[in-house]
């Protein structure tokens, strides 16, 4: 069953966050993930405007999404945003 990796981000330091984004894309794809959107135009219809970057990737199943997120490669890339360069929320949602 397909799983969607949904991330909401507030970028504080563009340069450091870009180092994360540049690495994370290839890592996600190496685990079978396919980006449906990565940034782009958005409109908040309800809720706060805290987050200004939205990413959705589709994975074949929950196991691959979790394997990607927990991989050493992803953890190393994420250090570039977990250093205070961005605030991020990530959730995985199964398709119906």
PDB file of N, CA and C in Angstrom:
ATOM      1  N   UNK A   1       0.843  -1.175   0.000  1.00  0.00           N
ATOM      2  CA  UNK A   1       0.000   0.000   0.000  1.00  0.00           C
ATOM      3  C   UNK A   1       0.893   1.244   0.000  1.00  0.00           C
ATOM      4  N   UNK A   2       0.663   2.173  -0.912  1.00  0.00           N
ATOM      5  CA  UNK A   2       1.480   3.399  -0.972  1.00  0.00           C
ATOM      6  C   UNK A   2       1.419   4.206   0.328  1.00  0.00           C
ATOM      7  N   UNK A   3       2.524   4.837   0.621  1.00  0.00           N
ATOM      8  CA  UNK A   3       2.651   5.692   1.804  1.00  0.00           C
ATOM      9  C   UNK A   3       3.165   7.052   1.350  1.00  0.00           C
ATOM     10  N   UNK A   4       2.633   8.090   1.943  1.00  0.00           N
ATOM     11  CA  UNK A   4       3.047   9.450   1.615  1.00  0.00           C
ATOM     12  C   UNK A   4       3.860  10.034   2.760  1.00  0.00           C
ATOM     13  N   UNK A   5       5.053  10.506   2.405  1.00  0.00           N
ATOM     14  CA  UNK A   5       5.956  11.206   3.330  1.00  0.00           C
ATOM     15  C   UNK A   5       5.593  12.670   3.158  1.00  0.00           C
ATOM     16  N   UNK A   6       5.068  13.274   4.194  1.00  0.00           N
ATOM     17  CA  UNK A   6       4.629  14.669   4.131  1.00  0.00           C
ATOM     18  C   UNK A   6       5.478  15.482   5.103  1.00  0.00           C
ATOM     19  N   UNK A   7       6.117  16.495   4.575  1.00  0.00           N
ATOM     20  CA  UNK A   7       6.974  17.347   5.404  1.00  0.00           C
ATOM     21  C   UNK A   7       6.516  18.796   5.292  1.00  0.00           C
ATOM     22  N   UNK A   8       6.477  19.453   6.445  1.00  0.00           N
ATOM     23  CA  UNK A   8       6.215  20.891   6.505  1.00  0.00           C
ATOM     24  C   UNK A   8       7.448  21.519   7.119  1.00  0.00           C
ATOM     25  N   UNK A   9       7.946  22.561   6.495  1.00  0.00           N
ATOM     26  CA  UNK A   9       9.201  23.145   6.969  1.00  0.00           C
ATOM     27  C   UNK A   9       9.152  24.664   7.016  1.00  0.00           C
ATOM     28  N   UNK A  10       9.881  25.177   7.966  1.00  0.00           N
ATOM     29  CA  UNK A  10      10.157  26.616   8.058  1.00  0.00           C
ATOM     30  C   UNK A  10      11.671  26.728   7.955  1.00  0.00           C
ATOM     31  N   UNK A  11      12.141  27.344   6.897  1.00  0.00           N
ATOM     32  CA  UNK A  11      13.582  27.444   6.672  1.00  0.00           C
ATOM     33  C   UNK A  11      14.108  28.710   7.331  1.00  0.00           C
ATOM     34  N   UNK A  12      15.119  28.523   8.167  1.00  0.00           N
ATOM     35  CA  UNK A  12      15.714  29.641   8.898  1.00  0.00           C
ATOM     36  C   UNK A  12      17.043  30.039   8.258  1.00  0.00           C
ATOM     37  N   UNK A  13      17.840  29.057   7.877  1.00  0.00           N
ATOM     38  CA  UNK A  13      19.135  29.298   7.242  1.00  0.00           C
ATOM     39  C   UNK A  13      19.133  28.599   5.885  1.00  0.00           C
ATOM     40  N   UNK A  14      18.920  29.360   4.823  1.00  0.00           N
ATOM     41  CA  UNK A  14      18.795  28.811   3.460  1.00  0.00           C
ATOM     42  C   UNK A  14      20.001  27.966   3.054  1.00  0.00           C
ATOM     43  N   UNK A  15      21.191  28.447   3.329  1.00  0.00           N
ATOM     44  CA  UNK A  15      22.403  27.764   2.870  1.00  0.00           C
ATOM     45  C   UNK A  15      22.540  26.382   3.508  1.00  0.00           C
ATOM     46  N   UNK A  16      22.365  26.305   4.805  1.00  0.00           N
ATOM     47  CA  UNK A  16      22.500  25.031   5.499  1.00  0.00           C
ATOM     48  C   UNK A  16      21.349  24.093   5.138  1.00  0.00           C
ATOM     49  N   UNK A  17      20.149  24.630   5.050  1.00  0.00           N
ATOM     50  CA  UNK A  17      18.988  23.802   4.703  1.00  0.00           C
ATOM     51  C   UNK A  17      19.138  23.236   3.299  1.00  0.00           C
ATOM     52  N   UNK A  18      19.704  24.006   2.381  1.00  0.00           N
ATOM     53  CA  UNK A  18      19.916  23.543   1.007  1.00  0.00           C
ATOM     54  C   UNK A  18      20.852  22.339   0.978  1.00  0.00           C
ATOM     55  N   UNK A  19      21.842  22.314   1.873  1.00  0.00           N
ATOM     56  CA  UNK A  19      22.746  21.160   1.949  1.00  0.00           C
ATOM     57  C   UNK A  19      21.954  19.899   2.287  1.00  0.00           C
ATOM     58  N   UNK A  20      20.986  20.038   3.167  1.00  0.00           N
ATOM     59  CA  UNK A  20      20.105  18.912   3.504  1.00  0.00           C
ATOM     60  C   UNK A  20      19.250  18.518   2.298  1.00  0.00           C
ATOM     61  N   UNK A  21      18.570  19.491   1.710  1.00  0.00           N
ATOM     62  CA  UNK A  21      17.653  19.214   0.605  1.00  0.00           C
ATOM     63  C   UNK A  21      18.370  18.592  -0.589  1.00  0.00           C
ATOM     64  N   UNK A  22      19.560  19.077  -0.883  1.00  0.00           N
ATOM     65  CA  UNK A  22      20.328  18.539  -2.016  1.00  0.00           C
ATOM     66  C   UNK A  22      20.671  17.059  -1.814  1.00  0.00           C
ATOM     67  N   UNK A  23      20.953  16.659  -0.582  1.00  0.00           N
ATOM     68  CA  UNK A  23      21.297  15.266  -0.296  1.00  0.00           C
ATOM     69  C   UNK A  23      20.054  14.394  -0.136  1.00  0.00           C
ATOM     70  N   UNK A  24      19.038  14.923   0.522  1.00  0.00           N
ATOM     71  CA  UNK A  24      17.855  14.127   0.856  1.00  0.00           C
ATOM     72  C   UNK A  24      17.116  13.631  -0.381  1.00  0.00           C
ATOM     73  N   UNK A  25      17.086  14.418  -1.431  1.00  0.00           N
ATOM     74  CA  UNK A  25      16.366  14.022  -2.634  1.00  0.00           C
ATOM     75  C   UNK A  25      16.836  12.690  -3.197  1.00  0.00           C
ATOM     76  N   UNK A  26      18.129  12.545  -3.356  1.00  0.00           N
ATOM     77  CA  UNK A  26      18.684  11.303  -3.879  1.00  0.00           C
ATOM     78  C   UNK A  26      18.492  10.133  -2.931  1.00  0.00           C
ATOM     79  N   UNK A  27      18.544  10.413  -1.634  1.00  0.00           N
ATOM     80  CA  UNK A  27      18.349   9.356  -0.642  1.00  0.00           C
ATOM     81  C   UNK A  27      16.919   8.845  -0.703  1.00  0.00           C
ATOM     82  N   UNK A  28      15.959   9.748  -0.740  1.00  0.00           N
ATOM     83  CA  UNK A  28      14.546   9.360  -0.845  1.00  0.00           C
ATOM     84  C   UNK A  28      14.332   8.502  -2.088  1.00  0.00           C
ATOM     85  N   UNK A  29      14.860   8.936  -3.199  1.00  0.00           N
ATOM     86  CA  UNK A  29      14.685   8.188  -4.451  1.00  0.00           C
ATOM     87  C   UNK A  29      15.368   6.825  -4.390  1.00  0.00           C
ATOM     88  N   UNK A  30      16.484   6.706  -3.686  1.00  0.00           N
ATOM     89  CA  UNK A  30      17.190   5.420  -3.592  1.00  0.00           C
ATOM     90  C   UNK A  30      16.396   4.382  -2.794  1.00  0.00           C
ATOM     91  N   UNK A  31      15.424   4.821  -1.994  1.00  0.00           N
ATOM     92  CA  UNK A  31      14.562   3.909  -1.243  1.00  0.00           C
ATOM     93  C   UNK A  31      13.194   3.731  -1.929  1.00  0.00           C
ATOM     94  N   UNK A  32      13.108   4.121  -3.189  1.00  0.00           N
ATOM     95  CA  UNK A  32      11.869   3.937  -3.935  1.00  0.00           C
ATOM     96  C   UNK A  32      10.884   5.077  -3.820  1.00  0.00           C
ATOM     97  N   UNK A  33      11.298   6.174  -3.186  1.00  0.00           N
ATOM     98  CA  UNK A  33      10.415   7.328  -3.047  1.00  0.00           C
ATOM     99  C   UNK A  33      10.355   8.140  -4.331  1.00  0.00           C
ATOM    100  N   UNK A  34       9.189   8.698  -4.580  1.00  0.00           N
ATOM    101  CA  UNK A  34       8.971   9.546  -5.763  1.00  0.00           C
ATOM    102  C   UNK A  34       8.351  10.855  -5.272  1.00  0.00           C
ATOM    103  N   UNK A  35       9.004  11.968  -5.597  1.00  0.00           N
ATOM    104  CA  UNK A  35       8.476  13.264  -5.159  1.00  0.00           C
ATOM    105  C   UNK A  35       7.256  13.653  -5.980  1.00  0.00           C
ATOM    106  N   UNK A  36       6.189  14.003  -5.277  1.00  0.00           N
ATOM    107  CA  UNK A  36       4.986  14.511  -5.924  1.00  0.00           C
ATOM    108  C   UNK A  36       5.004  16.026  -5.937  1.00  0.00           C
ATOM    109  N   UNK A  37       5.569  16.600  -4.909  1.00  0.00           N
ATOM    110  CA  UNK A  37       5.813  18.038  -4.870  1.00  0.00           C
ATOM    111  C   UNK A  37       6.960  18.297  -3.904  1.00  0.00           C
ATOM    112  N   UNK A  38       7.721  19.301  -4.239  1.00  0.00           N
ATOM    113  CA  UNK A  38       8.888  19.655  -3.420  1.00  0.00           C
ATOM    114  C   UNK A  38       9.026  21.169  -3.480  1.00  0.00           C
ATOM    115  N   UNK A  39       8.301  21.828  -2.591  1.00  0.00           N
ATOM    116  CA  UNK A  39       8.262  23.280  -2.646  1.00  0.00           C
ATOM    117  C   UNK A  39       7.126  23.700  -3.554  1.00  0.00           C
ATOM    118  N   UNK A  40       7.286  24.797  -4.214  1.00  0.00           N
ATOM    119  CA  UNK A  40       6.255  25.258  -5.140  1.00  0.00           C
ATOM    120  C   UNK A  40       5.258  26.201  -4.489  1.00  0.00           C
ATOM    121  N   UNK A  41       4.370  26.685  -5.316  1.00  0.00           N
ATOM    122  CA  UNK A  41       3.354  27.624  -4.878  1.00  0.00           C
ATOM    123  C   UNK A  41       2.377  26.931  -3.930  1.00  0.00           C
ATOM    124  N   UNK A  42       1.936  27.623  -2.888  1.00  0.00           N
ATOM    125  CA  UNK A  42       0.992  27.046  -1.942  1.00  0.00           C
ATOM    126  C   UNK A  42       0.072  28.127  -1.407  1.00  0.00           C
ATOM    127  N   UNK A  43      -1.030  27.693  -0.841  1.00  0.00           N
ATOM    128  CA  UNK A  43      -1.979  28.607  -0.215  1.00  0.00           C
ATOM    129  C   UNK A  43      -2.488  27.942   1.055  1.00  0.00           C
ATOM    130  N   UNK A  44      -2.297  28.576   2.186  1.00  0.00           N
ATOM    131  CA  UNK A  44      -2.780  28.046   3.457  1.00  0.00           C
ATOM    132  C   UNK A  44      -4.249  28.408   3.591  1.00  0.00           C
ATOM    133  N   UNK A  45      -5.074  27.394   3.676  1.00  0.00           N
ATOM    134  CA  UNK A  45      -6.513  27.607   3.754  1.00  0.00           C
ATOM    135  C   UNK A  45      -7.017  27.640   5.195  1.00  0.00           C
ATOM    136  N   UNK A  46      -6.291  26.973   6.084  1.00  0.00           N
ATOM    137  CA  UNK A  46      -6.670  26.955   7.490  1.00  0.00           C
ATOM    138  C   UNK A  46      -5.434  26.620   8.302  1.00  0.00           C
ATOM    139  N   UNK A  47      -5.243  27.288   9.408  1.00  0.00           N
ATOM    140  CA  UNK A  47      -4.080  27.042  10.246  1.00  0.00           C
ATOM    141  C   UNK A  47      -3.097  28.197  10.177  1.00  0.00           C
ATOM    142  N   UNK A  48      -1.971  28.014  10.865  1.00  0.00           N
ATOM    143  CA  UNK A  48      -0.972  29.075  10.943  1.00  0.00           C
ATOM    144  C   UNK A  48      -0.105  29.109   9.694  1.00  0.00           C
ATOM    145  N   UNK A  49       0.610  30.188   9.550  1.00  0.00           N
ATOM    146  CA  UNK A  49       1.524  30.329   8.415  1.00  0.00           C
ATOM    147  C   UNK A  49       2.968  30.081   8.856  1.00  0.00           C
ATOM    148  N   UNK A  50       3.154  29.266   9.881  1.00  0.00           N
ATOM    149  CA  UNK A  50       4.495  28.978  10.393  1.00  0.00           C
ATOM    150  C   UNK A  50       5.373  28.288   9.352  1.00  0.00           C
ATOM    151  N   UNK A  51       4.794  27.374   8.592  1.00  0.00           N
ATOM    152  CA  UNK A  51       5.564  26.601   7.626  1.00  0.00           C
ATOM    153  C   UNK A  51       5.429  27.198   6.229  1.00  0.00           C
ATOM    154  N   UNK A  52       6.535  27.232   5.499  1.00  0.00           N
ATOM    155  CA  UNK A  52       6.530  27.863   4.176  1.00  0.00           C
ATOM    156  C   UNK A  52       7.101  26.968   3.082  1.00  0.00           C
ATOM    157  N   UNK A  53       7.414  25.723   3.426  1.00  0.00           N
ATOM    158  CA  UNK A  53       7.888  24.761   2.426  1.00  0.00           C
ATOM    159  C   UNK A  53       7.192  23.439   2.707  1.00  0.00           C
ATOM    160  N   UNK A  54       6.661  22.840   1.656  1.00  0.00           N
ATOM    161  CA  UNK A  54       5.901  21.611   1.790  1.00  0.00           C
ATOM    162  C   UNK A  54       6.430  20.592   0.786  1.00  0.00           C
ATOM    163  N   UNK A  55       6.625  19.363   1.271  1.00  0.00           N
ATOM    164  CA  UNK A  55       7.164  18.298   0.433  1.00  0.00           C
ATOM    165  C   UNK A  55       6.286  17.063   0.610  1.00  0.00           C
ATOM    166  N   UNK A  56       5.941  16.428  -0.513  1.00  0.00           N
ATOM    167  CA  UNK A  56       5.206  15.164  -0.477  1.00  0.00           C
ATOM    168  C   UNK A  56       5.938  14.183  -1.374  1.00  0.00           C
ATOM    169  N   UNK A  57       6.276  13.029  -0.802  1.00  0.00           N
ATOM    170  CA  UNK A  57       6.907  11.955  -1.575  1.00  0.00           C
ATOM    171  C   UNK A  57       6.084  10.685  -1.371  1.00  0.00           C
ATOM    172  N   UNK A  58       5.978   9.904  -2.415  1.00  0.00           N
ATOM    173  CA  UNK A  58       5.241   8.646  -2.341  1.00  0.00           C
ATOM    174  C   UNK A  58       6.228   7.482  -2.295  1.00  0.00           C
ATOM    175  N   UNK A  59       6.016   6.574  -1.361  1.00  0.00           N
ATOM    176  CA  UNK A  59       6.814   5.355  -1.237  1.00  0.00           C
ATOM    177  C   UNK A  59       5.904   4.147  -1.495  1.00  0.00           C
ATOM    178  N   UNK A  60       6.480   3.039  -1.950  1.00  0.00           N
ATOM    179  CA  UNK A  60       5.664   1.849  -2.195  1.00  0.00           C
ATOM    180  C   UNK A  60       4.973   1.305  -0.942  1.00  0.00           C
ATOM    181  N   UNK A  61       5.621   1.494   0.234  1.00  0.00           N
ATOM    182  CA  UNK A  61       5.027   0.987   1.477  1.00  0.00           C
ATOM    183  C   UNK A  61       5.668   1.688   2.678  1.00  0.00           C
ATOM    184  N   UNK A  62       5.069   1.461   3.845  1.00  0.00           N
ATOM    185  CA  UNK A  62       5.530   2.101   5.076  1.00  0.00           C
ATOM    186  C   UNK A  62       6.946   1.654   5.444  1.00  0.00           C
ATOM    187  N   UNK A  63       7.244   0.374   5.232  1.00  0.00           N
ATOM    188  CA  UNK A  63       8.566  -0.134   5.604  1.00  0.00           C
ATOM    189  C   UNK A  63       9.687   0.613   4.889  1.00  0.00           C
ATOM    190  N   UNK A  64       9.527   0.844   3.575  1.00  0.00           N
ATOM    191  CA  UNK A  64      10.567   1.560   2.824  1.00  0.00           C
ATOM    192  C   UNK A  64      10.686   3.013   3.269  1.00  0.00           C
ATOM    193  N   UNK A  65       9.565   3.653   3.559  1.00  0.00           N
ATOM    194  CA  UNK A  65       9.606   5.040   4.038  1.00  0.00           C
ATOM    195  C   UNK A  65      10.352   5.122   5.369  1.00  0.00           C
ATOM    196  N   UNK A  66      10.041   4.196   6.278  1.00  0.00           N
ATOM    197  CA  UNK A  66      10.715   4.194   7.579  1.00  0.00           C
ATOM    198  C   UNK A  66      12.183   3.829   7.438  1.00  0.00           C
ATOM    199  N   UNK A  67      12.484   2.880   6.554  1.00  0.00           N
ATOM    200  CA  UNK A  67      13.879   2.499   6.321  1.00  0.00           C
ATOM    201  C   UNK A  67      14.681   3.693   5.815  1.00  0.00           C
ATOM    202  N   UNK A  68      14.088   4.463   4.928  1.00  0.00           N
ATOM    203  CA  UNK A  68      14.736   5.668   4.409  1.00  0.00           C
ATOM    204  C   UNK A  68      14.976   6.667   5.543  1.00  0.00           C
ATOM    205  N   UNK A  69      13.921   6.979   6.288  1.00  0.00           N
ATOM    206  CA  UNK A  69      14.020   7.963   7.360  1.00  0.00           C
ATOM    207  C   UNK A  69      15.060   7.566   8.402  1.00  0.00           C
ATOM    208  N   UNK A  70      15.150   6.284   8.711  1.00  0.00           N
ATOM    209  CA  UNK A  70      16.063   5.800   9.746  1.00  0.00           C
ATOM    210  C   UNK A  70      17.449   5.439   9.229  1.00  0.00           C
ATOM    211  N   UNK A  71      17.690   5.587   7.934  1.00  0.00           N
ATOM    212  CA  UNK A  71      18.987   5.231   7.360  1.00  0.00           C
ATOM    213  C   UNK A  71      20.074   6.198   7.808  1.00  0.00           C
ATOM    214  N   UNK A  72      21.293   5.696   7.832  1.00  0.00           N
ATOM    215  CA  UNK A  72      22.433   6.550   8.194  1.00  0.00           C
ATOM    216  C   UNK A  72      22.598   7.688   7.186  1.00  0.00           C
ATOM    217  N   UNK A  73      22.356   7.389   5.922  1.00  0.00           N
ATOM    218  CA  UNK A  73      22.492   8.431   4.891  1.00  0.00           C
ATOM    219  C   UNK A  73      21.523   9.577   5.154  1.00  0.00           C
ATOM    220  N   UNK A  74      20.255   9.255   5.481  1.00  0.00           N
ATOM    221  CA  UNK A  74      19.278  10.308   5.744  1.00  0.00           C
ATOM    222  C   UNK A  74      19.613  11.052   7.038  1.00  0.00           C
ATOM    223  N   UNK A  75      19.993  10.305   8.075  1.00  0.00           N
ATOM    224  CA  UNK A  75      20.356  10.957   9.342  1.00  0.00           C
ATOM    225  C   UNK A  75      21.507  11.939   9.139  1.00  0.00           C
ATOM    226  N   UNK A  76      22.501  11.548   8.331  1.00  0.00           N
ATOM    227  CA  UNK A  76      23.626  12.444   8.063  1.00  0.00           C
ATOM    228  C   UNK A  76      23.186  13.680   7.296  1.00  0.00           C
ATOM    229  N   UNK A  77      22.309  13.509   6.321  1.00  0.00           N
ATOM    230  CA  UNK A  77      21.798  14.665   5.571  1.00  0.00           C
ATOM    231  C   UNK A  77      20.982  15.574   6.489  1.00  0.00           C
ATOM    232  N   UNK A  78      20.158  14.974   7.330  1.00  0.00           N
ATOM    233  CA  UNK A  78      19.273  15.750   8.208  1.00  0.00           C
ATOM    234  C   UNK A  78      20.039  16.590   9.225  1.00  0.00           C
ATOM    235  N   UNK A  79      21.278  16.232   9.511  1.00  0.00           N
ATOM    236  CA  UNK A  79      22.094  17.048  10.427  1.00  0.00           C
ATOM    237  C   UNK A  79      22.198  18.483   9.923  1.00  0.00           C
ATOM    238  N   UNK A  80      22.099  18.664   8.612  1.00  0.00           N
ATOM    239  CA  UNK A  80      22.193  20.007   8.029  1.00  0.00           C
ATOM    240  C   UNK A  80      20.961  20.861   8.281  1.00  0.00           C
ATOM    241  N   UNK A  81      19.875  20.254   8.735  1.00  0.00           N
ATOM    242  CA  UNK A  81      18.701  21.051   9.103  1.00  0.00           C
ATOM    243  C   UNK A  81      18.397  20.945  10.586  1.00  0.00           C
ATOM    244  N   UNK A  82      18.893  19.907  11.219  1.00  0.00           N
ATOM    245  CA  UNK A  82      18.658  19.726  12.657  1.00  0.00           C
ATOM    246  C   UNK A  82      19.612  20.578  13.489  1.00  0.00           C
ATOM    247  N   UNK A  83      20.399  21.378  12.836  1.00  0.00           N
ATOM    248  CA  UNK A  83      21.353  22.260  13.511  1.00  0.00           C
ATOM    249  C   UNK A  83      20.768  23.646  13.751  1.00  0.00           C
ATOM    250  N   UNK A  84      19.459  23.764  13.598  1.00  0.00           N
ATOM    251  CA  UNK A  84      18.805  25.053  13.790  1.00  0.00           C
ATOM    252  C   UNK A  84      18.518  25.789  12.494  1.00  0.00           C
ATOM    253  N   UNK A  85      18.855  25.174  11.341  1.00  0.00           N
ATOM    254  CA  UNK A  85      18.631  25.858  10.070  1.00  0.00           C
ATOM    255  C   UNK A  85      17.189  25.748   9.585  1.00  0.00           C
ATOM    256  N   UNK A  86      16.419  24.898  10.250  1.00  0.00           N
ATOM    257  CA  UNK A  86      15.026  24.765   9.851  1.00  0.00           C
ATOM    258  C   UNK A  86      14.213  24.061  10.906  1.00  0.00           C
ATOM    259  N   UNK A  87      12.937  24.315  10.872  1.00  0.00           N
ATOM    260  CA  UNK A  87      11.976  23.647  11.741  1.00  0.00           C
ATOM    261  C   UNK A  87      11.141  22.755  10.830  1.00  0.00           C
ATOM    262  N   UNK A  88      11.063  21.462  11.137  1.00  0.00           N
ATOM    263  CA  UNK A  88      10.419  20.517  10.231  1.00  0.00           C
ATOM    264  C   UNK A  88       9.513  19.567  10.990  1.00  0.00           C
ATOM    265  N   UNK A  89       8.380  19.266  10.395  1.00  0.00           N
ATOM    266  CA  UNK A  89       7.495  18.205  10.864  1.00  0.00           C
ATOM    267  C   UNK A  89       7.362  17.213   9.720  1.00  0.00           C
ATOM    268  N   UNK A  90       7.518  15.920  10.015  1.00  0.00           N
ATOM    269  CA  UNK A  90       7.406  14.881   8.994  1.00  0.00           C
ATOM    270  C   UNK A  90       6.424  13.838   9.504  1.00  0.00           C
ATOM    271  N   UNK A  91       5.491  13.461   8.641  1.00  0.00           N
ATOM    272  CA  UNK A  91       4.545  12.388   8.970  1.00  0.00           C
ATOM    273  C   UNK A  91       4.481  11.437   7.783  1.00  0.00           C
ATOM    274  N   UNK A  92       4.126  10.190   8.055  1.00  0.00           N
ATOM    275  CA  UNK A  92       3.867   9.198   7.020  1.00  0.00           C
ATOM    276  C   UNK A  92       2.399   8.847   7.080  1.00  0.00           C
ATOM    277  N   UNK A  93       1.744   8.837   5.926  1.00  0.00           N
ATOM    278  CA  UNK A  93       0.320   8.532   5.846  1.00  0.00           C
ATOM    279  C   UNK A  93       0.103   7.465   4.780  1.00  0.00           C
ATOM    280  N   UNK A  94      -0.585   6.381   5.149  1.00  0.00           N
ATOM    281  CA  UNK A  94      -0.908   5.348   4.178  1.00  0.00           C
ATOM    282  C   UNK A  94      -2.063   5.783   3.296  1.00  0.00           C
ATOM    283  N   UNK A  95      -2.001   5.363   2.064  1.00  0.00           N
ATOM    284  CA  UNK A  95      -3.088   5.607   1.126  1.00  0.00           C
ATOM    285  C   UNK A  95      -4.268   4.696   1.501  1.00  0.00           C
ATOM    286  N   UNK A  96      -5.473   5.102   1.152  1.00  0.00           N
ATOM    287  CA  UNK A  96      -6.636   4.224   1.398  1.00  0.00           C
ATOM    288  C   UNK A  96      -6.837   3.350   0.199  1.00  0.00           C
TER     289      UNK A  96
END
